[in-house]
Amino acid sequence: MSGYIAEDIDVEELRRRTEVATGLAGRVRELVAATVVTDVDDHAIAAAQRHIEAATALLSQQRLPGSFGVRFNTDGTKRVWGNAVVGARNPIAPPVQLVDEGDHLWAEFDLGPAYEGPAGLVHGGVVAMILDQVLGSAAEHAGAPGMTGTLTIRYEQGTKLGPVRVEGRLDRVEGVKSIAVGTVSTPDGVCARAEGIFILPRWARGESSERLRNSLGDG
């Protein structure tokens, strides 16, 4: 499939590139948050805009064609740096760094002012986006990957901006369908519960489980 790229990068060089990517995305993420809540005067905004325009021009001097895609390295690792939830180079991503506990995945992270919906609360669409990623990753890590078919969410209370925990696990497999469940919570308790149905695409049926994990997972 297009967008899936094989690479041969030395392990140490890949580590260095990862540190650079996460550092850049982190600074831009801080910029986004500062942009949302700044209260400086017009002169300061104009000065900041000039710096931002210069940085954009600098970063645009050499660009990848299209999106970042999924990049597989010869050491068995995979990069999905453009992913909107877990992407190391994507400042839109919180990012969610998943911990695999064997029977489930979890992550803890902060959602700041850039993710606001109702006043002081995380936008419900952001909650859905995160659950979609984590439930799909849970299915993939359990050896039953697929593409999102349906995602059903019950919002139990508003998700306050700040520290958030997400969990996901594979519940069952029904033929080419993998059903995963999960939650989003804050120190106030569970805020949303979800069930996702992930369907193995036709082109992937008959592939080995290892190849599927490499092709469809988040990395």
N, C-alpha and C. Protein backbone atom coordinates (compact mmCIF):
# COMPACT_ATOMS: atom_id res chain seq x y z
N MET A 1 0.84 -1.20 0.00
CA MET A 1 0.00 0.00 0.00
C MET A 1 0.87 1.25 0.00
N SER A 2 0.40 2.31 -0.63
CA SER A 2 1.15 3.56 -0.64
C SER A 2 1.19 4.14 0.77
N GLY A 3 2.29 4.82 1.07
CA GLY A 3 2.45 5.40 2.39
C GLY A 3 3.17 4.51 3.37
N TYR A 4 3.42 3.25 3.00
CA TYR A 4 4.17 2.31 3.83
C TYR A 4 5.58 2.20 3.24
N ILE A 5 6.58 2.62 4.02
CA ILE A 5 7.93 2.79 3.49
C ILE A 5 8.93 1.97 4.30
N ALA A 6 9.80 1.22 3.61
CA ALA A 6 10.86 0.47 4.27
C ALA A 6 12.12 1.33 4.32
N GLU A 7 12.81 1.29 5.49
CA GLU A 7 14.02 2.08 5.68
C GLU A 7 15.13 1.21 6.26
N ASP A 8 16.35 1.68 6.14
CA ASP A 8 17.50 1.02 6.75
C ASP A 8 18.32 2.10 7.46
N ILE A 9 17.96 2.38 8.71
CA ILE A 9 18.60 3.43 9.48
C ILE A 9 19.29 2.81 10.69
N ASP A 10 20.54 3.18 10.91
CA ASP A 10 21.29 2.70 12.07
C ASP A 10 20.53 3.02 13.36
N VAL A 11 20.60 2.11 14.33
CA VAL A 11 19.84 2.26 15.56
C VAL A 11 20.17 3.55 16.29
N GLU A 12 21.44 3.88 16.39
CA GLU A 12 21.83 5.11 17.08
C GLU A 12 21.38 6.35 16.31
N GLU A 13 21.46 6.28 14.99
CA GLU A 13 21.00 7.39 14.18
C GLU A 13 19.49 7.55 14.32
N LEU A 14 18.76 6.45 14.39
CA LEU A 14 17.32 6.51 14.58
C LEU A 14 16.97 7.11 15.94
N ARG A 15 17.74 6.76 16.96
CA ARG A 15 17.53 7.34 18.29
C ARG A 15 17.75 8.85 18.25
N ARG A 16 18.81 9.27 17.56
CA ARG A 16 19.10 10.70 17.46
C ARG A 16 17.96 11.43 16.75
N ARG A 17 17.51 10.86 15.65
CA ARG A 17 16.43 11.49 14.89
C ARG A 17 15.15 11.58 15.73
N THR A 18 14.92 10.56 16.55
CA THR A 18 13.73 10.56 17.40
C THR A 18 13.80 11.68 18.43
N GLU A 19 14.96 11.86 19.04
CA GLU A 19 15.14 12.93 20.02
C GLU A 19 14.92 14.30 19.37
N VAL A 20 15.44 14.48 18.17
CA VAL A 20 15.27 15.75 17.46
C VAL A 20 13.80 15.99 17.14
N ALA A 21 13.14 14.94 16.65
CA ALA A 21 11.72 15.06 16.26
C ALA A 21 10.84 15.40 17.45
N THR A 22 11.04 14.69 18.57
CA THR A 22 10.21 14.94 19.74
C THR A 22 10.49 16.31 20.34
N GLY A 23 11.75 16.75 20.26
CA GLY A 23 12.08 18.08 20.75
C GLY A 23 11.41 19.17 19.94
N LEU A 24 11.44 19.05 18.61
CA LEU A 24 10.80 20.04 17.74
C LEU A 24 9.30 20.07 17.98
N ALA A 25 8.67 18.91 17.99
CA ALA A 25 7.22 18.85 18.18
C ALA A 25 6.83 19.42 19.54
N GLY A 26 7.64 19.15 20.55
CA GLY A 26 7.35 19.67 21.88
C GLY A 26 7.37 21.18 21.93
N ARG A 27 8.35 21.80 21.24
CA ARG A 27 8.42 23.26 21.25
C ARG A 27 7.23 23.85 20.49
N VAL A 28 6.84 23.23 19.38
CA VAL A 28 5.69 23.74 18.63
C VAL A 28 4.40 23.54 19.42
N ARG A 29 4.32 22.43 20.15
CA ARG A 29 3.15 22.18 21.01
C ARG A 29 3.03 23.27 22.07
N GLU A 30 4.17 23.66 22.64
CA GLU A 30 4.17 24.75 23.61
C GLU A 30 3.74 26.06 22.95
N LEU A 31 4.16 26.26 21.71
CA LEU A 31 3.78 27.46 20.97
C LEU A 31 2.27 27.50 20.74
N VAL A 32 1.70 26.36 20.38
CA VAL A 32 0.25 26.29 20.15
C VAL A 32 -0.50 26.65 21.43
N ALA A 33 -0.09 26.07 22.55
CA ALA A 33 -0.75 26.37 23.82
C ALA A 33 -0.61 27.84 24.18
N ALA A 34 0.58 28.40 23.97
CA ALA A 34 0.80 29.81 24.28
C ALA A 34 -0.05 30.70 23.38
N THR A 35 -0.23 30.30 22.12
CA THR A 35 -1.04 31.07 21.18
C THR A 35 -2.49 31.15 21.64
N VAL A 36 -2.99 30.04 22.19
CA VAL A 36 -4.38 29.99 22.63
C VAL A 36 -4.62 30.93 23.81
N VAL A 37 -3.69 30.99 24.74
CA VAL A 37 -3.95 31.71 26.00
C VAL A 37 -3.17 33.01 26.14
N THR A 38 -2.43 33.43 25.12
CA THR A 38 -1.64 34.65 25.25
C THR A 38 -2.53 35.88 25.47
N ASP A 39 -1.99 36.83 26.19
CA ASP A 39 -2.70 38.09 26.43
C ASP A 39 -1.75 39.28 26.23
N VAL A 40 -0.75 39.06 25.37
CA VAL A 40 0.21 40.13 25.10
C VAL A 40 -0.40 41.15 24.14
N ASP A 41 0.27 42.29 23.97
CA ASP A 41 -0.29 43.34 23.11
C ASP A 41 0.01 43.06 21.63
N ASP A 42 -0.56 43.89 20.77
CA ASP A 42 -0.45 43.67 19.32
C ASP A 42 1.00 43.74 18.85
N HIS A 43 1.81 44.60 19.47
CA HIS A 43 3.22 44.70 19.08
C HIS A 43 3.94 43.38 19.31
N ALA A 44 3.70 42.76 20.46
CA ALA A 44 4.34 41.48 20.77
C ALA A 44 3.84 40.38 19.83
N ILE A 45 2.55 40.41 19.51
CA ILE A 45 2.00 39.41 18.60
C ILE A 45 2.63 39.55 17.21
N ALA A 46 2.77 40.78 16.75
CA ALA A 46 3.40 41.01 15.44
C ALA A 46 4.83 40.50 15.41
N ALA A 47 5.57 40.72 16.51
CA ALA A 47 6.95 40.24 16.59
C ALA A 47 6.99 38.72 16.58
N ALA A 48 6.10 38.12 17.36
CA ALA A 48 6.04 36.66 17.40
C ALA A 48 5.69 36.09 16.04
N GLN A 49 4.76 36.74 15.35
CA GLN A 49 4.35 36.25 14.03
C GLN A 49 5.52 36.26 13.05
N ARG A 50 6.37 37.28 13.13
CA ARG A 50 7.54 37.32 12.25
C ARG A 50 8.47 36.13 12.53
N HIS A 51 8.66 35.81 13.80
CA HIS A 51 9.50 34.66 14.15
C HIS A 51 8.87 33.35 13.65
N ILE A 52 7.57 33.24 13.79
CA ILE A 52 6.87 32.03 13.35
C ILE A 52 6.97 31.88 11.83
N GLU A 53 6.79 32.97 11.11
CA GLU A 53 6.91 32.92 9.65
C GLU A 53 8.32 32.51 9.23
N ALA A 54 9.31 33.02 9.95
CA ALA A 54 10.70 32.65 9.63
C ALA A 54 10.95 31.17 9.90
N ALA A 55 10.42 30.66 11.02
CA ALA A 55 10.59 29.25 11.35
C ALA A 55 9.89 28.37 10.33
N THR A 56 8.70 28.78 9.89
CA THR A 56 7.98 28.01 8.88
C THR A 56 8.75 27.96 7.58
N ALA A 57 9.31 29.07 7.17
CA ALA A 57 10.10 29.10 5.94
C ALA A 57 11.33 28.21 6.06
N LEU A 58 11.96 28.22 7.23
CA LEU A 58 13.15 27.40 7.44
C LEU A 58 12.80 25.91 7.36
N LEU A 59 11.74 25.51 8.02
CA LEU A 59 11.35 24.10 8.01
C LEU A 59 10.83 23.65 6.65
N SER A 60 10.37 24.59 5.85
CA SER A 60 9.80 24.24 4.54
C SER A 60 10.84 24.17 3.44
N GLN A 61 12.10 24.42 3.76
CA GLN A 61 13.14 24.38 2.74
C GLN A 61 13.29 22.99 2.12
N GLN A 62 13.00 21.98 2.91
CA GLN A 62 13.04 20.61 2.40
C GLN A 62 11.91 19.84 3.06
N ARG A 63 10.98 19.32 2.25
CA ARG A 63 9.79 18.67 2.78
C ARG A 63 9.59 17.30 2.16
N LEU A 64 8.93 16.42 2.92
CA LEU A 64 8.53 15.13 2.37
C LEU A 64 7.35 15.34 1.44
N PRO A 65 7.26 14.53 0.39
CA PRO A 65 6.08 14.61 -0.47
C PRO A 65 4.90 13.94 0.24
N GLY A 66 3.79 14.63 0.34
CA GLY A 66 2.62 14.03 0.97
C GLY A 66 2.75 13.96 2.48
N SER A 67 2.19 12.91 3.06
CA SER A 67 2.21 12.74 4.52
C SER A 67 3.44 11.94 4.95
N PHE A 68 3.62 11.82 6.27
CA PHE A 68 4.77 11.08 6.77
C PHE A 68 4.62 9.58 6.52
N GLY A 69 3.39 9.07 6.64
CA GLY A 69 3.14 7.65 6.40
C GLY A 69 3.62 6.78 7.54
N VAL A 70 3.81 5.51 7.23
CA VAL A 70 4.31 4.52 8.18
C VAL A 70 5.65 4.02 7.65
N ARG A 71 6.69 4.13 8.50
CA ARG A 71 8.05 3.81 8.06
C ARG A 71 8.62 2.68 8.91
N PHE A 72 8.98 1.60 8.24
CA PHE A 72 9.52 0.41 8.90
C PHE A 72 11.03 0.40 8.78
N ASN A 73 11.71 0.17 9.91
CA ASN A 73 13.16 0.09 9.87
C ASN A 73 13.61 -1.37 9.92
N THR A 74 14.83 -1.62 9.48
CA THR A 74 15.34 -2.98 9.44
C THR A 74 15.54 -3.58 10.83
N ASP A 75 15.56 -2.76 11.89
CA ASP A 75 15.72 -3.30 13.24
C ASP A 75 14.38 -3.74 13.84
N GLY A 76 13.31 -3.66 13.04
CA GLY A 76 12.00 -4.11 13.50
C GLY A 76 11.13 -3.01 14.08
N THR A 77 11.68 -1.80 14.24
CA THR A 77 10.88 -0.70 14.76
C THR A 77 10.09 -0.03 13.64
N LYS A 78 9.16 0.81 14.05
CA LYS A 78 8.28 1.46 13.10
C LYS A 78 8.03 2.89 13.54
N ARG A 79 7.97 3.81 12.57
CA ARG A 79 7.72 5.21 12.88
C ARG A 79 6.39 5.65 12.27
N VAL A 80 5.54 6.22 13.11
CA VAL A 80 4.29 6.83 12.64
C VAL A 80 4.27 8.27 13.16
N TRP A 81 5.31 9.00 12.85
CA TRP A 81 5.53 10.31 13.43
C TRP A 81 4.46 11.34 13.06
N GLY A 82 3.68 11.08 12.02
CA GLY A 82 2.64 12.02 11.63
C GLY A 82 1.30 11.75 12.29
N ASN A 83 1.20 10.65 13.04
CA ASN A 83 -0.08 10.26 13.64
C ASN A 83 -0.61 11.35 14.57
N ALA A 84 -1.91 11.65 14.48
CA ALA A 84 -2.51 12.76 15.22
C ALA A 84 -2.65 12.49 16.71
N VAL A 85 -2.42 11.24 17.15
CA VAL A 85 -2.54 10.91 18.57
C VAL A 85 -1.20 10.52 19.17
N VAL A 86 -0.43 9.70 18.46
CA VAL A 86 0.82 9.18 19.01
C VAL A 86 2.06 9.66 18.25
N GLY A 87 1.89 10.50 17.24
CA GLY A 87 3.00 10.90 16.38
C GLY A 87 4.07 11.71 17.09
N ALA A 88 5.31 11.24 17.05
CA ALA A 88 6.41 11.92 17.75
C ALA A 88 6.71 13.28 17.18
N ARG A 89 6.46 13.48 15.87
CA ARG A 89 6.77 14.76 15.24
C ARG A 89 5.52 15.62 15.06
N ASN A 90 4.40 15.16 15.49
CA ASN A 90 3.15 15.90 15.27
C ASN A 90 2.78 16.71 16.50
N PRO A 91 2.87 18.05 16.44
CA PRO A 91 2.54 18.85 17.61
C PRO A 91 1.06 18.86 17.96
N ILE A 92 0.21 18.36 17.04
CA ILE A 92 -1.20 18.21 17.36
C ILE A 92 -1.41 17.07 18.34
N ALA A 93 -0.57 16.03 18.24
CA ALA A 93 -0.68 14.87 19.13
C ALA A 93 -0.32 15.27 20.55
N PRO A 94 -1.01 14.70 21.59
CA PRO A 94 -0.71 15.10 22.98
C PRO A 94 0.76 15.02 23.38
N PRO A 95 1.61 14.03 23.02
CA PRO A 95 1.29 12.76 22.38
C PRO A 95 0.95 11.69 23.42
N VAL A 96 0.21 10.68 22.98
CA VAL A 96 -0.12 9.55 23.84
C VAL A 96 0.97 8.50 23.68
N GLN A 97 1.68 8.20 24.77
CA GLN A 97 2.75 7.20 24.75
C GLN A 97 2.24 5.96 25.49
N LEU A 98 1.90 4.95 24.73
CA LEU A 98 1.23 3.77 25.28
C LEU A 98 2.18 2.83 26.01
N VAL A 99 1.69 2.29 27.11
CA VAL A 99 2.40 1.28 27.89
C VAL A 99 1.65 -0.03 27.72
N ASP A 100 2.36 -1.06 27.30
CA ASP A 100 1.75 -2.37 27.07
C ASP A 100 1.90 -3.23 28.32
N GLU A 101 0.77 -3.55 28.95
CA GLU A 101 0.77 -4.38 30.16
C GLU A 101 0.44 -5.84 29.86
N GLY A 102 0.44 -6.20 28.58
CA GLY A 102 0.13 -7.58 28.20
C GLY A 102 -1.33 -7.76 27.88
N ASP A 103 -2.20 -7.60 28.90
CA ASP A 103 -3.63 -7.77 28.67
C ASP A 103 -4.34 -6.45 28.37
N HIS A 104 -3.63 -5.31 28.50
CA HIS A 104 -4.22 -4.02 28.18
C HIS A 104 -3.13 -2.98 27.96
N LEU A 105 -3.53 -1.86 27.37
CA LEU A 105 -2.64 -0.73 27.16
C LEU A 105 -3.14 0.44 27.99
N TRP A 106 -2.23 1.31 28.40
CA TRP A 106 -2.63 2.53 29.09
C TRP A 106 -1.63 3.64 28.80
N ALA A 107 -2.06 4.86 29.07
CA ALA A 107 -1.18 6.01 28.94
C ALA A 107 -1.71 7.13 29.83
N GLU A 108 -0.79 7.93 30.33
CA GLU A 108 -1.14 9.12 31.10
C GLU A 108 -0.44 10.32 30.46
N PHE A 109 -1.16 11.41 30.32
CA PHE A 109 -0.65 12.58 29.62
C PHE A 109 -1.51 13.78 30.01
N ASP A 110 -1.10 14.96 29.58
CA ASP A 110 -1.85 16.19 29.85
C ASP A 110 -2.50 16.70 28.58
N LEU A 111 -3.73 17.17 28.71
CA LEU A 111 -4.42 17.85 27.63
C LEU A 111 -4.63 19.30 28.06
N GLY A 112 -3.94 20.22 27.37
CA GLY A 112 -3.97 21.62 27.75
C GLY A 112 -4.99 22.43 26.97
N PRO A 113 -4.84 23.75 26.96
CA PRO A 113 -5.85 24.64 26.38
C PRO A 113 -6.11 24.43 24.89
N ALA A 114 -5.18 23.85 24.16
CA ALA A 114 -5.38 23.62 22.73
C ALA A 114 -6.45 22.57 22.46
N TYR A 115 -6.86 21.80 23.49
CA TYR A 115 -7.80 20.70 23.30
C TYR A 115 -9.18 21.02 23.90
N GLU A 116 -9.42 22.28 24.20
CA GLU A 116 -10.66 22.67 24.88
C GLU A 116 -11.87 22.60 23.97
N GLY A 117 -13.00 22.15 24.56
CA GLY A 117 -14.30 22.21 23.92
C GLY A 117 -15.17 23.11 24.77
N PRO A 118 -16.04 22.53 25.63
CA PRO A 118 -16.72 23.35 26.63
C PRO A 118 -15.68 23.98 27.56
N ALA A 119 -16.05 25.10 28.19
CA ALA A 119 -15.09 25.83 29.02
C ALA A 119 -14.45 24.93 30.06
N GLY A 120 -13.11 24.84 30.01
CA GLY A 120 -12.37 24.06 30.99
C GLY A 120 -12.37 22.57 30.76
N LEU A 121 -13.02 22.13 29.68
CA LEU A 121 -13.15 20.70 29.42
C LEU A 121 -12.56 20.33 28.06
N VAL A 122 -12.13 19.08 27.95
CA VAL A 122 -11.59 18.56 26.69
C VAL A 122 -12.74 18.41 25.69
N HIS A 123 -12.49 18.80 24.45
CA HIS A 123 -13.47 18.63 23.38
C HIS A 123 -13.82 17.14 23.24
N GLY A 124 -15.13 16.86 23.11
CA GLY A 124 -15.55 15.46 22.99
C GLY A 124 -14.96 14.76 21.79
N GLY A 125 -14.70 15.50 20.70
CA GLY A 125 -14.08 14.89 19.53
C GLY A 125 -12.65 14.49 19.78
N VAL A 126 -11.95 15.22 20.63
CA VAL A 126 -10.58 14.86 20.99
C VAL A 126 -10.60 13.58 21.82
N VAL A 127 -11.55 13.48 22.76
CA VAL A 127 -11.70 12.25 23.55
C VAL A 127 -11.94 11.07 22.61
N ALA A 128 -12.81 11.26 21.62
CA ALA A 128 -13.11 10.19 20.67
C ALA A 128 -11.89 9.80 19.85
N MET A 129 -11.12 10.79 19.40
CA MET A 129 -9.92 10.52 18.62
C MET A 129 -8.92 9.68 19.41
N ILE A 130 -8.73 10.03 20.67
CA ILE A 130 -7.79 9.29 21.51
C ILE A 130 -8.28 7.87 21.75
N LEU A 131 -9.56 7.72 22.04
CA LEU A 131 -10.11 6.37 22.26
C LEU A 131 -10.01 5.52 21.00
N ASP A 132 -10.26 6.10 19.85
CA ASP A 132 -10.15 5.38 18.59
C ASP A 132 -8.75 4.81 18.42
N GLN A 133 -7.74 5.64 18.67
CA GLN A 133 -6.36 5.21 18.54
C GLN A 133 -6.00 4.13 19.54
N VAL A 134 -6.37 4.33 20.80
CA VAL A 134 -5.95 3.42 21.86
C VAL A 134 -6.66 2.07 21.74
N LEU A 135 -7.94 2.07 21.42
CA LEU A 135 -8.65 0.81 21.25
C LEU A 135 -8.11 0.05 20.05
N GLY A 136 -7.84 0.77 18.95
CA GLY A 136 -7.25 0.11 17.79
C GLY A 136 -5.87 -0.45 18.09
N SER A 137 -5.09 0.30 18.88
CA SER A 137 -3.77 -0.19 19.27
C SER A 137 -3.86 -1.41 20.18
N ALA A 138 -4.87 -1.43 21.05
CA ALA A 138 -5.06 -2.58 21.93
C ALA A 138 -5.36 -3.83 21.13
N ALA A 139 -6.19 -3.69 20.11
CA ALA A 139 -6.49 -4.83 19.24
C ALA A 139 -5.24 -5.29 18.49
N GLU A 140 -4.49 -4.32 17.99
CA GLU A 140 -3.26 -4.65 17.26
C GLU A 140 -2.23 -5.34 18.13
N HIS A 141 -2.02 -4.82 19.34
CA HIS A 141 -1.03 -5.40 20.25
C HIS A 141 -1.45 -6.80 20.71
N ALA A 142 -2.75 -7.09 20.68
CA ALA A 142 -3.23 -8.41 21.05
C ALA A 142 -3.20 -9.37 19.86
N GLY A 143 -2.70 -8.91 18.71
CA GLY A 143 -2.56 -9.78 17.55
C GLY A 143 -3.78 -9.83 16.67
N ALA A 144 -4.72 -8.87 16.84
CA ALA A 144 -5.94 -8.86 16.05
C ALA A 144 -6.19 -7.47 15.47
N PRO A 145 -5.29 -6.97 14.61
CA PRO A 145 -5.40 -5.60 14.12
C PRO A 145 -6.53 -5.42 13.13
N GLY A 146 -6.90 -4.18 12.91
CA GLY A 146 -7.94 -3.87 11.93
C GLY A 146 -8.11 -2.37 11.80
N MET A 147 -8.96 -1.98 10.88
CA MET A 147 -9.31 -0.57 10.68
C MET A 147 -10.65 -0.30 11.37
N THR A 148 -10.82 0.93 11.86
CA THR A 148 -12.02 1.26 12.61
C THR A 148 -13.26 1.08 11.76
N GLY A 149 -14.20 0.26 12.26
CA GLY A 149 -15.51 0.11 11.63
C GLY A 149 -16.53 1.00 12.32
N THR A 150 -16.66 0.81 13.62
CA THR A 150 -17.53 1.67 14.42
C THR A 150 -16.84 1.97 15.74
N LEU A 151 -17.18 3.11 16.31
CA LEU A 151 -16.69 3.50 17.63
C LEU A 151 -17.87 4.08 18.40
N THR A 152 -18.24 3.41 19.48
CA THR A 152 -19.38 3.83 20.29
C THR A 152 -18.87 4.34 21.63
N ILE A 153 -19.24 5.58 21.95
CA ILE A 153 -18.72 6.22 23.17
C ILE A 153 -19.88 6.68 24.05
N ARG A 154 -19.77 6.42 25.33
CA ARG A 154 -20.70 6.97 26.31
C ARG A 154 -19.92 7.95 27.19
N TYR A 155 -20.30 9.22 27.09
CA TYR A 155 -19.65 10.26 27.89
C TYR A 155 -20.36 10.33 29.24
N GLU A 156 -19.64 10.01 30.31
CA GLU A 156 -20.25 9.95 31.63
C GLU A 156 -20.13 11.26 32.40
N GLN A 157 -19.10 12.02 32.10
CA GLN A 157 -18.93 13.35 32.68
C GLN A 157 -17.91 14.10 31.84
N GLY A 158 -17.85 15.42 32.01
CA GLY A 158 -16.87 16.18 31.26
C GLY A 158 -15.45 15.80 31.65
N THR A 159 -14.57 15.81 30.66
CA THR A 159 -13.16 15.51 30.88
C THR A 159 -12.42 16.82 31.11
N LYS A 160 -12.01 17.09 32.33
CA LYS A 160 -11.34 18.35 32.64
C LYS A 160 -9.99 18.43 31.94
N LEU A 161 -9.64 19.62 31.48
CA LEU A 161 -8.30 19.85 30.95
C LEU A 161 -7.27 19.57 32.04
N GLY A 162 -6.15 18.97 31.65
CA GLY A 162 -5.12 18.62 32.61
C GLY A 162 -4.75 17.16 32.49
N PRO A 163 -4.40 16.51 33.61
CA PRO A 163 -3.97 15.11 33.54
C PRO A 163 -5.10 14.17 33.15
N VAL A 164 -4.80 13.28 32.22
CA VAL A 164 -5.78 12.33 31.69
C VAL A 164 -5.14 10.95 31.64
N ARG A 165 -5.95 9.92 31.87
CA ARG A 165 -5.50 8.54 31.72
C ARG A 165 -6.44 7.83 30.75
N VAL A 166 -5.87 7.08 29.84
CA VAL A 166 -6.66 6.29 28.90
C VAL A 166 -6.22 4.83 28.99
N GLU A 167 -7.18 3.92 28.89
CA GLU A 167 -6.89 2.49 28.91
C GLU A 167 -7.68 1.81 27.80
N GLY A 168 -7.13 0.72 27.28
CA GLY A 168 -7.82 -0.05 26.25
C GLY A 168 -7.39 -1.49 26.27
N ARG A 169 -8.32 -2.38 25.91
CA ARG A 169 -7.99 -3.81 25.84
C ARG A 169 -8.86 -4.47 24.79
N LEU A 170 -8.36 -5.56 24.23
CA LEU A 170 -9.14 -6.37 23.31
C LEU A 170 -10.15 -7.19 24.11
N ASP A 171 -11.41 -7.10 23.75
CA ASP A 171 -12.47 -7.83 24.45
C ASP A 171 -12.74 -9.19 23.81
N ARG A 172 -12.83 -9.21 22.47
CA ARG A 172 -13.12 -10.47 21.79
C ARG A 172 -12.86 -10.30 20.29
N VAL A 173 -12.80 -11.44 19.61
CA VAL A 173 -12.64 -11.46 18.16
C VAL A 173 -13.77 -12.26 17.55
N GLU A 174 -14.40 -11.71 16.53
CA GLU A 174 -15.49 -12.37 15.83
C GLU A 174 -15.16 -12.37 14.34
N GLY A 175 -14.53 -13.44 13.88
CA GLY A 175 -14.14 -13.52 12.48
C GLY A 175 -13.11 -12.46 12.14
N VAL A 176 -13.45 -11.57 11.18
CA VAL A 176 -12.52 -10.51 10.79
C VAL A 176 -12.71 -9.25 11.64
N LYS A 177 -13.58 -9.35 12.65
CA LYS A 177 -13.84 -8.20 13.51
C LYS A 177 -13.15 -8.38 14.87
N SER A 178 -12.48 -7.33 15.33
CA SER A 178 -11.90 -7.30 16.68
C SER A 178 -12.65 -6.24 17.47
N ILE A 179 -13.13 -6.61 18.65
CA ILE A 179 -13.89 -5.68 19.49
C ILE A 179 -13.04 -5.33 20.69
N ALA A 180 -12.77 -4.04 20.84
CA ALA A 180 -11.94 -3.55 21.95
C ALA A 180 -12.75 -2.57 22.78
N VAL A 181 -12.41 -2.47 24.05
CA VAL A 181 -13.10 -1.57 24.96
C VAL A 181 -12.07 -0.74 25.72
N GLY A 182 -12.51 0.42 26.21
CA GLY A 182 -11.58 1.26 26.94
C GLY A 182 -12.25 2.43 27.62
N THR A 183 -11.47 3.18 28.36
CA THR A 183 -11.98 4.32 29.12
C THR A 183 -11.01 5.49 29.05
N VAL A 184 -11.55 6.67 29.28
CA VAL A 184 -10.78 7.88 29.54
C VAL A 184 -11.18 8.37 30.91
N SER A 185 -10.21 8.70 31.74
CA SER A 185 -10.51 9.14 33.09
C SER A 185 -9.58 10.27 33.51
N THR A 186 -10.00 11.00 34.54
CA THR A 186 -9.21 12.04 35.17
C THR A 186 -9.22 11.74 36.67
N PRO A 187 -8.58 12.56 37.49
CA PRO A 187 -8.66 12.33 38.95
C PRO A 187 -10.09 12.34 39.48
N ASP A 188 -11.06 12.87 38.69
CA ASP A 188 -12.46 12.87 39.12
C ASP A 188 -13.17 11.55 38.82
N GLY A 189 -12.50 10.63 38.12
CA GLY A 189 -13.12 9.35 37.80
C GLY A 189 -13.24 9.14 36.30
N VAL A 190 -13.96 8.10 35.90
CA VAL A 190 -14.14 7.77 34.49
C VAL A 190 -15.01 8.83 33.82
N CYS A 191 -14.53 9.33 32.69
CA CYS A 191 -15.25 10.37 31.96
C CYS A 191 -15.94 9.83 30.71
N ALA A 192 -15.37 8.79 30.10
CA ALA A 192 -15.94 8.23 28.88
C ALA A 192 -15.57 6.76 28.79
N ARG A 193 -16.54 5.97 28.30
CA ARG A 193 -16.32 4.55 28.03
C ARG A 193 -16.60 4.31 26.55
N ALA A 194 -15.83 3.40 25.95
CA ALA A 194 -15.98 3.19 24.51
C ALA A 194 -15.84 1.73 24.15
N GLU A 195 -16.52 1.37 23.05
CA GLU A 195 -16.33 0.07 22.40
C GLU A 195 -16.07 0.34 20.93
N GLY A 196 -15.03 -0.27 20.42
CA GLY A 196 -14.69 -0.11 19.01
C GLY A 196 -14.67 -1.45 18.29
N ILE A 197 -15.18 -1.44 17.08
CA ILE A 197 -15.12 -2.63 16.22
C ILE A 197 -14.12 -2.33 15.12
N PHE A 198 -13.09 -3.14 15.03
CA PHE A 198 -12.01 -2.96 14.07
C PHE A 198 -12.02 -4.14 13.10
N ILE A 199 -12.07 -3.81 11.82
CA ILE A 199 -12.27 -4.82 10.78
C ILE A 199 -11.00 -5.00 9.98
N LEU A 200 -10.59 -6.24 9.83
CA LEU A 200 -9.41 -6.56 9.03
C LEU A 200 -9.74 -6.28 7.56
N PRO A 201 -9.00 -5.38 6.90
CA PRO A 201 -9.32 -5.04 5.51
C PRO A 201 -9.11 -6.23 4.58
N ARG A 202 -9.83 -6.22 3.48
CA ARG A 202 -9.79 -7.35 2.54
C ARG A 202 -8.37 -7.63 2.05
N TRP A 203 -7.59 -6.56 1.80
CA TRP A 203 -6.26 -6.78 1.25
C TRP A 203 -5.34 -7.49 2.24
N ALA A 204 -5.68 -7.43 3.56
CA ALA A 204 -4.80 -8.02 4.58
C ALA A 204 -5.21 -9.42 4.99
N ARG A 205 -6.38 -9.86 4.58
CA ARG A 205 -6.85 -11.18 5.01
C ARG A 205 -5.99 -12.26 4.38
N GLY A 206 -5.58 -13.22 5.21
CA GLY A 206 -4.69 -14.28 4.74
C GLY A 206 -3.24 -14.00 5.02
N GLU A 207 -2.92 -12.75 5.45
CA GLU A 207 -1.54 -12.43 5.82
C GLU A 207 -1.23 -13.03 7.19
N SER A 208 0.06 -13.22 7.48
CA SER A 208 0.46 -13.71 8.79
C SER A 208 0.20 -12.64 9.84
N SER A 209 0.00 -13.06 11.08
CA SER A 209 -0.28 -12.11 12.16
C SER A 209 0.89 -11.14 12.35
N GLU A 210 2.13 -11.63 12.17
CA GLU A 210 3.28 -10.75 12.34
C GLU A 210 3.30 -9.66 11.28
N ARG A 211 3.01 -10.01 10.03
CA ARG A 211 2.99 -9.02 8.97
C ARG A 211 1.86 -8.03 9.19
N LEU A 212 0.72 -8.51 9.69
CA LEU A 212 -0.40 -7.61 9.95
C LEU A 212 -0.04 -6.60 11.04
N ARG A 213 0.60 -7.09 12.10
CA ARG A 213 0.99 -6.19 13.18
C ARG A 213 1.94 -5.11 12.67
N ASN A 214 2.82 -5.49 11.76
CA ASN A 214 3.76 -4.53 11.20
C ASN A 214 3.09 -3.56 10.25
N SER A 215 2.03 -3.99 9.55
CA SER A 215 1.41 -3.16 8.53
C SER A 215 0.36 -2.22 9.08
N LEU A 216 -0.44 -2.68 10.06
CA LEU A 216 -1.61 -1.93 10.49
C LEU A 216 -1.43 -1.22 11.81
N GLY A 217 -0.45 -1.60 12.62
CA GLY A 217 -0.36 -1.06 13.97
C GLY A 217 0.17 0.35 14.01
N ASP A 218 0.16 0.91 15.24
CA ASP A 218 0.57 2.29 15.44
C ASP A 218 2.06 2.43 15.61
N GLY A 219 2.75 1.38 16.05
CA GLY A 219 4.19 1.44 16.22
C GLY A 219 4.64 2.11 17.48
